[in-house]
Amino acid sequence: MRSFTNPGQPGRCPRCWILQAHCICGDVPTVKTRTEVLVVRHERESWKSTGTARIAALAMPNLRILDFGEDAEPARGTLPGEVAGGAHLLFPTDEVTPFGEVKRLILLDGTWRQTRRMYVKLPALHPVPKFSLPQKQTKVLRLRDSKFEDGRSTLEAIAEAIALLEGDEVAAPLHALHAAYVERVFRARGVWDRKVADFSE
């Protein structure tokens, strides 16, 4: 699904971008983590109504978003100062990293094709220790279908990483927020019942 939305579109909340009747902002929790989270977001994600990094930022005071545009230089110039001192990149790898050493978590937000290109164009990330999330154990209803069995939305990936780094209790509100956000968006589109039925098959 490649849904693009004008954040100032009439009838939509300017923060969560959902139709006002289904706005989730009043139910967004505040999730304070000791782990700093930096999301390097592809510019095309910043305009997608289905982007979950924006929702994660509403909930997490310790999360920042760095946009990666066609001109990669601004992001390329910022990252060297972000990767020192315990930074780790959430990225597919066979390496095993002690989770307790992670002070700053960096994620690339985009399609798999976009994130691979972002990684190539951001050399400051190349020496950063990486770790991957374990294989999914349960199905999760998402706004976008993934071509990969272990694909995740950005908010979902953040929640799972925080569970590993700080425990399930800290991550639980993020998992709940992801589920609530998906439901609100599908209800706003009038497709919630159909999506739940399809998911249950």
Protein backbone atom coordinates (compact mmCIF):
# COMPACT_ATOMS: atom_id res chain seq x y z
CA MET A 1 0.00 0.00 0.00
CA ARG A 2 1.52 3.34 -1.02
CA SER A 3 -0.82 5.85 0.54
CA PHE A 4 0.34 9.45 0.57
CA THR A 5 -1.43 12.08 2.63
CA ASN A 6 -1.25 15.85 2.96
CA PRO A 7 -0.90 16.48 6.73
CA GLY A 8 -2.98 19.63 6.38
CA GLN A 9 -5.82 17.88 4.59
CA PRO A 10 -9.21 19.01 5.96
CA GLY A 11 -10.83 16.58 8.35
CA ARG A 12 -7.58 14.94 9.41
CA CYS A 13 -5.71 15.33 12.69
CA PRO A 14 -2.47 17.24 11.98
CA ARG A 15 -0.53 15.02 14.42
CA CYS A 16 -1.60 11.44 13.71
CA TRP A 17 -3.06 12.17 10.24
CA ILE A 18 -6.12 10.00 10.93
CA LEU A 19 -9.60 11.35 10.21
CA GLN A 20 -10.66 13.47 13.18
CA ALA A 21 -13.48 11.11 14.15
CA HIS A 22 -10.92 8.34 14.70
CA CYS A 23 -7.96 10.41 15.98
CA ILE A 24 -5.69 8.40 18.26
CA CYS A 25 -3.77 11.26 19.87
CA GLY A 26 -5.77 11.24 23.11
CA ASP A 27 -4.87 7.59 23.66
CA VAL A 28 -1.16 7.75 22.84
CA PRO A 29 0.85 6.68 25.90
CA THR A 30 4.10 8.24 27.05
CA VAL A 31 6.77 5.57 26.93
CA LYS A 32 10.01 6.66 28.56
CA THR A 33 12.94 4.45 27.62
CA ARG A 34 16.54 4.55 28.74
CA THR A 35 17.48 3.60 25.18
CA GLU A 36 17.68 6.51 22.76
CA VAL A 37 16.02 5.75 19.43
CA LEU A 38 17.01 7.41 16.17
CA VAL A 39 14.87 6.67 13.12
CA VAL A 40 16.50 7.54 9.81
CA ARG A 41 13.41 7.92 7.65
CA HIS A 42 13.30 7.82 3.88
CA GLU A 43 11.63 10.98 2.59
CA ARG A 44 8.86 8.98 0.91
CA GLU A 45 7.89 7.52 4.29
CA SER A 46 7.38 10.99 5.71
CA TRP A 47 4.37 11.49 3.42
CA LYS A 48 2.76 8.07 3.79
CA SER A 49 -0.38 8.00 5.89
CA THR A 50 0.58 4.47 6.94
CA GLY A 51 3.97 5.49 8.36
CA THR A 52 4.31 4.35 11.95
CA ALA A 53 7.55 6.16 12.86
CA ARG A 54 5.47 9.32 13.26
CA ILE A 55 3.20 7.54 15.76
CA ALA A 56 6.17 6.13 17.66
CA ALA A 57 7.56 9.67 17.97
CA LEU A 58 4.30 10.84 19.54
CA ALA A 59 4.69 8.24 22.29
CA MET A 60 8.45 8.22 22.91
CA PRO A 61 10.19 11.33 24.28
CA ASN A 62 13.53 9.62 23.68
CA LEU A 63 12.93 9.09 19.94
CA ARG A 64 14.09 11.37 17.17
CA ILE A 65 13.53 11.22 13.42
CA LEU A 66 16.23 12.14 10.91
CA ASP A 67 14.87 12.44 7.39
CA PHE A 68 16.87 11.07 4.47
CA GLY A 69 16.14 12.88 1.22
CA GLU A 70 17.24 12.74 -2.39
CA ASP A 71 20.17 14.83 -1.23
CA ALA A 72 21.75 12.45 1.28
CA GLU A 73 24.28 14.98 2.53
CA PRO A 74 22.27 16.40 5.50
CA ALA A 75 21.73 12.93 6.95
CA ARG A 76 25.26 11.86 6.03
CA GLY A 77 26.66 14.86 7.88
CA THR A 78 24.55 14.32 10.99
CA LEU A 79 25.12 10.60 11.54
CA PRO A 80 28.82 10.56 12.54
CA GLY A 81 27.88 12.29 15.80
CA GLU A 82 25.10 9.78 16.44
CA VAL A 83 26.96 6.50 16.07
CA ALA A 84 29.51 6.81 18.88
CA GLY A 85 29.06 5.64 22.44
CA GLY A 86 26.94 2.52 22.36
CA ALA A 87 24.96 3.05 19.16
CA HIS A 88 23.65 -0.09 17.44
CA LEU A 89 21.83 -0.49 14.15
CA LEU A 90 18.74 -2.68 13.89
CA PHE A 91 19.46 -4.39 10.60
CA PRO A 92 19.49 -7.97 9.24
CA THR A 93 22.67 -9.67 10.41
CA ASP A 94 24.00 -12.96 11.68
CA GLU A 95 26.06 -11.18 14.32
CA VAL A 96 25.19 -11.66 17.98
CA THR A 97 25.26 -8.45 20.02
CA PRO A 98 24.93 -8.23 23.82
CA PHE A 99 21.69 -6.24 24.13
CA GLY A 100 22.75 -4.71 27.42
CA GLU A 101 25.38 -2.63 25.62
CA VAL A 102 22.89 -0.78 23.41
CA LYS A 103 22.54 2.88 24.45
CA ARG A 104 21.22 4.27 21.17
CA LEU A 105 19.14 2.26 18.73
CA ILE A 106 19.22 3.33 15.07
CA LEU A 107 16.62 2.15 12.57
CA LEU A 108 16.26 2.77 8.86
CA ASP A 109 12.64 3.49 7.96
CA GLY A 110 11.52 2.62 4.45
CA THR A 111 10.90 -0.32 2.16
CA TRP A 112 13.56 -3.01 2.18
CA ARG A 113 14.86 -1.69 -1.15
CA GLN A 114 14.99 1.86 0.20
CA THR A 115 16.75 0.89 3.42
CA ARG A 116 19.43 -1.06 1.60
CA ARG A 117 20.16 1.97 -0.57
CA MET A 118 20.13 4.25 2.48
CA TYR A 119 22.66 2.01 4.19
CA VAL A 120 24.98 2.15 1.19
CA LYS A 121 24.74 5.95 1.06
CA LEU A 122 25.36 6.39 4.81
CA PRO A 123 28.91 5.12 5.38
CA ALA A 124 28.88 6.23 9.03
CA LEU A 125 26.56 3.28 9.68
CA HIS A 126 28.85 0.64 8.18
CA PRO A 127 31.04 0.06 11.29
CA VAL A 128 28.12 0.34 13.71
CA PRO A 129 27.36 -2.95 15.52
CA LYS A 130 24.16 -4.53 14.21
CA PHE A 131 21.57 -6.90 15.53
CA SER A 132 18.42 -8.49 14.17
CA LEU A 133 15.12 -9.26 15.80
CA PRO A 134 14.26 -12.91 16.39
CA GLN A 135 11.82 -14.66 14.10
CA LYS A 136 8.18 -13.68 14.54
CA GLN A 137 6.18 -16.12 16.63
CA THR A 138 2.71 -14.71 16.07
CA LYS A 139 0.85 -13.00 13.23
CA VAL A 140 0.31 -9.26 13.53
CA LEU A 141 -2.29 -7.22 11.68
CA ARG A 142 -0.54 -4.36 9.87
CA LEU A 143 -1.50 -1.48 7.61
CA ARG A 144 0.82 -2.74 4.89
CA ASP A 145 1.45 -6.28 3.78
CA SER A 146 5.09 -7.34 3.80
CA LYS A 147 6.75 -9.42 1.11
CA PHE A 148 8.97 -10.89 3.82
CA GLU A 149 7.78 -13.36 6.43
CA ASP A 150 9.59 -11.46 9.18
CA GLY A 151 8.68 -8.01 7.87
CA ARG A 152 7.55 -5.47 10.46
CA SER A 153 6.30 -1.93 10.62
CA THR A 154 8.73 0.55 12.17
CA LEU A 155 6.68 0.95 15.36
CA GLU A 156 6.40 -2.81 15.65
CA ALA A 157 10.17 -3.22 15.22
CA ILE A 158 10.85 -0.55 17.83
CA ALA A 159 8.50 -2.25 20.29
CA GLU A 160 10.18 -5.62 19.81
CA ALA A 161 13.65 -4.14 20.14
CA ILE A 162 12.70 -2.29 23.33
CA ALA A 163 11.27 -5.54 24.72
CA LEU A 164 14.67 -7.17 24.19
CA LEU A 165 16.61 -4.22 25.57
CA GLU A 166 14.41 -3.13 28.48
CA GLY A 167 11.80 -5.82 29.01
CA ASP A 168 8.25 -6.66 27.96
CA GLU A 169 6.68 -4.30 30.51
CA VAL A 170 8.31 -1.24 28.93
CA ALA A 171 7.45 -2.40 25.40
CA ALA A 172 3.84 -3.42 26.08
CA PRO A 173 2.36 0.09 25.59
CA LEU A 174 4.12 0.33 22.21
CA HIS A 175 2.68 -2.98 21.06
CA ALA A 176 -0.75 -1.82 22.22
CA LEU A 177 -0.30 1.50 20.41
CA HIS A 178 0.56 -0.29 17.19
CA ALA A 179 -2.58 -2.45 17.42
CA ALA A 180 -4.74 0.58 18.27
CA TYR A 181 -3.29 2.66 15.44
CA VAL A 182 -3.93 -0.08 12.88
CA GLU A 183 -7.51 -0.41 14.08
CA ARG A 184 -8.18 3.35 13.99
CA VAL A 185 -6.83 3.70 10.46
CA PHE A 186 -8.82 0.73 9.17
CA ARG A 187 -11.97 1.97 10.93
CA ALA A 188 -11.46 5.40 9.37
CA ARG A 189 -11.33 3.69 5.98
CA GLY A 190 -14.41 1.62 6.75
CA VAL A 191 -12.58 -1.69 6.26
CA TRP A 192 -11.92 -2.83 9.83
CA ASP A 193 -14.38 -5.76 9.90
CA ARG A 194 -13.14 -7.07 6.56
CA LYS A 195 -9.51 -6.78 7.56
CA VAL A 196 -10.12 -8.66 10.81
CA ALA A 197 -12.02 -11.39 8.97
CA ASP A 198 -9.27 -11.77 6.38
CA PHE A 199 -6.60 -11.80 9.09
CA SER A 200 -8.43 -14.54 11.01
CA GLU A 201 -8.64 -16.91 8.04
